[in-house]
Amino acid sequence: MYNNAAKNNNYDNNYRKDSYTVYIKLTEEENNLLRKCAKEKDINIGLYAKNIIFNYIRTEINKNNQ
């Protein structure tokens, strides 16, 4: 999901060779919520999920750097 979103979306023109593929198993409820939120924001579900993961990682990094 991540690599396809990164390669195929104009949003990520800076796709890097050292990127990581992230696999997350969602419950049916989580999956439905993700789809609903992506649809409401009119954004590709893979890109939306990637943004959530990036925001989480950035938050954790910032917490650890304080």
N, C-alpha and C. Protein backbone atom coordinates (compact mmCIF):
# COMPACT_ATOMS: atom_id res chain seq x y z
N MET A 1 0.84 -1.19 0.00
CA MET A 1 0.00 0.00 0.00
C MET A 1 0.88 1.25 0.00
N TYR A 2 1.85 1.32 0.90
CA TYR A 2 2.68 2.51 1.02
C TYR A 2 3.46 2.77 -0.26
N ASN A 3 4.16 1.75 -0.76
CA ASN A 3 4.99 1.98 -1.95
C ASN A 3 4.16 2.40 -3.15
N ASN A 4 2.99 1.76 -3.34
CA ASN A 4 2.15 2.15 -4.47
C ASN A 4 1.67 3.58 -4.34
N ALA A 5 1.29 3.97 -3.12
CA ALA A 5 0.83 5.34 -2.90
C ALA A 5 1.98 6.31 -3.18
N ALA A 6 3.17 5.93 -2.76
CA ALA A 6 4.31 6.83 -2.94
C ALA A 6 4.69 6.96 -4.41
N LYS A 7 4.68 5.86 -5.13
CA LYS A 7 5.11 5.88 -6.52
C LYS A 7 4.07 6.49 -7.45
N ASN A 8 2.80 6.26 -7.16
CA ASN A 8 1.75 6.61 -8.11
C ASN A 8 1.07 7.93 -7.82
N ASN A 9 1.45 8.60 -6.75
CA ASN A 9 0.74 9.81 -6.40
C ASN A 9 1.63 11.02 -6.61
N ASN A 10 1.10 12.04 -7.28
CA ASN A 10 1.88 13.25 -7.55
C ASN A 10 2.31 13.94 -6.26
N TYR A 11 1.58 13.68 -5.19
CA TYR A 11 1.90 14.27 -3.89
C TYR A 11 3.33 13.94 -3.48
N ASP A 12 3.78 12.76 -3.82
CA ASP A 12 5.09 12.30 -3.36
C ASP A 12 6.07 12.21 -4.52
N ASN A 13 6.47 13.37 -5.04
CA ASN A 13 7.43 13.39 -6.13
C ASN A 13 8.84 13.06 -5.66
N ASN A 14 9.04 13.14 -4.35
CA ASN A 14 10.36 12.88 -3.80
C ASN A 14 10.46 11.45 -3.28
N TYR A 15 9.82 10.52 -3.98
CA TYR A 15 9.90 9.10 -3.59
C TYR A 15 11.36 8.69 -3.52
N ARG A 16 11.74 8.12 -2.38
CA ARG A 16 13.13 7.78 -2.17
C ARG A 16 13.33 6.28 -2.20
N LYS A 17 14.49 5.87 -2.66
CA LYS A 17 14.81 4.44 -2.74
C LYS A 17 14.97 3.83 -1.35
N ASP A 18 15.25 4.66 -0.34
CA ASP A 18 15.46 4.12 1.00
C ASP A 18 14.19 4.17 1.84
N SER A 19 13.04 4.24 1.18
CA SER A 19 11.78 4.26 1.91
C SER A 19 11.47 2.85 2.43
N TYR A 20 10.51 2.79 3.33
CA TYR A 20 10.14 1.52 3.95
C TYR A 20 8.72 1.15 3.60
N THR A 21 8.47 -0.13 3.45
CA THR A 21 7.11 -0.62 3.27
C THR A 21 6.57 -0.98 4.64
N VAL A 22 5.39 -0.46 4.96
CA VAL A 22 4.78 -0.70 6.26
C VAL A 22 3.49 -1.48 6.05
N TYR A 23 3.36 -2.60 6.73
CA TYR A 23 2.14 -3.40 6.68
C TYR A 23 1.45 -3.33 8.02
N ILE A 24 0.19 -2.95 8.01
CA ILE A 24 -0.58 -2.88 9.25
C ILE A 24 -1.88 -3.64 9.05
N LYS A 25 -2.15 -4.58 9.93
CA LYS A 25 -3.40 -5.33 9.84
C LYS A 25 -4.46 -4.58 10.63
N LEU A 26 -5.53 -4.20 9.93
CA LEU A 26 -6.61 -3.45 10.56
C LEU A 26 -7.80 -4.37 10.83
N THR A 27 -8.53 -4.06 11.88
CA THR A 27 -9.79 -4.76 12.11
C THR A 27 -10.78 -4.26 11.07
N GLU A 28 -11.89 -4.95 10.91
CA GLU A 28 -12.90 -4.52 9.96
C GLU A 28 -13.43 -3.13 10.33
N GLU A 29 -13.60 -2.90 11.63
CA GLU A 29 -14.09 -1.60 12.10
C GLU A 29 -13.09 -0.48 11.77
N GLU A 30 -11.80 -0.74 12.01
CA GLU A 30 -10.76 0.24 11.70
C GLU A 30 -10.69 0.51 10.20
N ASN A 31 -10.80 -0.55 9.41
CA ASN A 31 -10.76 -0.43 7.96
C ASN A 31 -11.93 0.42 7.45
N ASN A 32 -13.12 0.16 7.98
CA ASN A 32 -14.30 0.93 7.57
C ASN A 32 -14.15 2.40 7.95
N LEU A 33 -13.60 2.66 9.13
CA LEU A 33 -13.39 4.04 9.57
C LEU A 33 -12.36 4.75 8.69
N LEU A 34 -11.29 4.04 8.34
CA LEU A 34 -10.27 4.60 7.46
C LEU A 34 -10.87 4.96 6.10
N ARG A 35 -11.66 4.05 5.54
CA ARG A 35 -12.31 4.31 4.25
C ARG A 35 -13.25 5.52 4.34
N LYS A 36 -14.03 5.59 5.43
CA LYS A 36 -14.98 6.68 5.62
C LYS A 36 -14.25 8.02 5.70
N CYS A 37 -13.18 8.07 6.49
CA CYS A 37 -12.42 9.31 6.64
C CYS A 37 -11.75 9.73 5.33
N ALA A 38 -11.18 8.77 4.62
CA ALA A 38 -10.53 9.08 3.34
C ALA A 38 -11.56 9.62 2.35
N LYS A 39 -12.73 8.99 2.33
CA LYS A 39 -13.79 9.43 1.41
C LYS A 39 -14.26 10.84 1.75
N GLU A 40 -14.41 11.12 3.05
CA GLU A 40 -14.83 12.46 3.49
C GLU A 40 -13.82 13.52 3.08
N LYS A 41 -12.54 13.17 3.13
CA LYS A 41 -11.48 14.12 2.77
C LYS A 41 -11.19 14.09 1.27
N ASP A 42 -11.87 13.19 0.54
CA ASP A 42 -11.68 13.04 -0.91
C ASP A 42 -10.20 12.80 -1.23
N ILE A 43 -9.61 11.83 -0.54
CA ILE A 43 -8.19 11.53 -0.72
C ILE A 43 -8.03 10.02 -0.90
N ASN A 44 -7.02 9.63 -1.65
CA ASN A 44 -6.71 8.22 -1.86
C ASN A 44 -6.46 7.54 -0.51
N ILE A 45 -7.07 6.38 -0.30
CA ILE A 45 -6.99 5.72 1.02
C ILE A 45 -5.55 5.36 1.38
N GLY A 46 -4.75 4.96 0.43
CA GLY A 46 -3.35 4.63 0.71
C GLY A 46 -2.57 5.86 1.14
N LEU A 47 -2.81 6.97 0.46
CA LEU A 47 -2.14 8.21 0.82
C LEU A 47 -2.61 8.70 2.18
N TYR A 48 -3.89 8.56 2.46
CA TYR A 48 -4.43 8.98 3.75
C TYR A 48 -3.80 8.16 4.88
N ALA A 49 -3.72 6.86 4.68
CA ALA A 49 -3.11 5.98 5.69
C ALA A 49 -1.64 6.34 5.88
N LYS A 50 -0.95 6.62 4.79
CA LYS A 50 0.46 6.99 4.86
C LYS A 50 0.63 8.28 5.65
N ASN A 51 -0.23 9.25 5.43
CA ASN A 51 -0.16 10.51 6.17
C ASN A 51 -0.36 10.30 7.67
N ILE A 52 -1.29 9.41 8.02
CA ILE A 52 -1.53 9.10 9.44
C ILE A 52 -0.27 8.50 10.05
N ILE A 53 0.35 7.56 9.34
CA ILE A 53 1.56 6.91 9.84
C ILE A 53 2.69 7.93 9.98
N PHE A 54 2.88 8.78 8.96
CA PHE A 54 3.93 9.80 9.02
C PHE A 54 3.71 10.75 10.19
N ASN A 55 2.47 11.19 10.38
CA ASN A 55 2.18 12.11 11.48
C ASN A 55 2.47 11.47 12.84
N TYR A 56 2.13 10.20 12.96
CA TYR A 56 2.41 9.47 14.21
C TYR A 56 3.92 9.39 14.44
N ILE A 57 4.66 9.03 13.41
CA ILE A 57 6.11 8.90 13.54
C ILE A 57 6.73 10.24 13.92
N ARG A 58 6.31 11.30 13.24
CA ARG A 58 6.85 12.63 13.55
C ARG A 58 6.55 13.01 15.00
N THR A 59 5.34 12.72 15.46
CA THR A 59 4.96 13.03 16.84
C THR A 59 5.84 12.29 17.82
N GLU A 60 6.08 11.01 17.56
CA GLU A 60 6.92 10.21 18.45
C GLU A 60 8.36 10.72 18.45
N ILE A 61 8.87 11.08 17.28
CA ILE A 61 10.24 11.60 17.18
C ILE A 61 10.35 12.91 17.96
N ASN A 62 9.37 13.78 17.79
CA ASN A 62 9.39 15.06 18.50
C ASN A 62 9.32 14.86 20.01
N LYS A 63 8.52 13.90 20.46
CA LYS A 63 8.43 13.62 21.90
C LYS A 63 9.78 13.14 22.44
N ASN A 64 10.45 12.29 21.65
CA ASN A 64 11.73 11.74 22.09
C ASN A 64 12.87 12.75 22.04
N ASN A 65 12.71 13.79 21.24
CA ASN A 65 13.76 14.80 21.09
C ASN A 65 13.63 15.94 22.09
N GLN A 66 12.60 15.92 22.90
CA GLN A 66 12.41 17.01 23.87
C GLN A 66 13.19 16.76 25.14
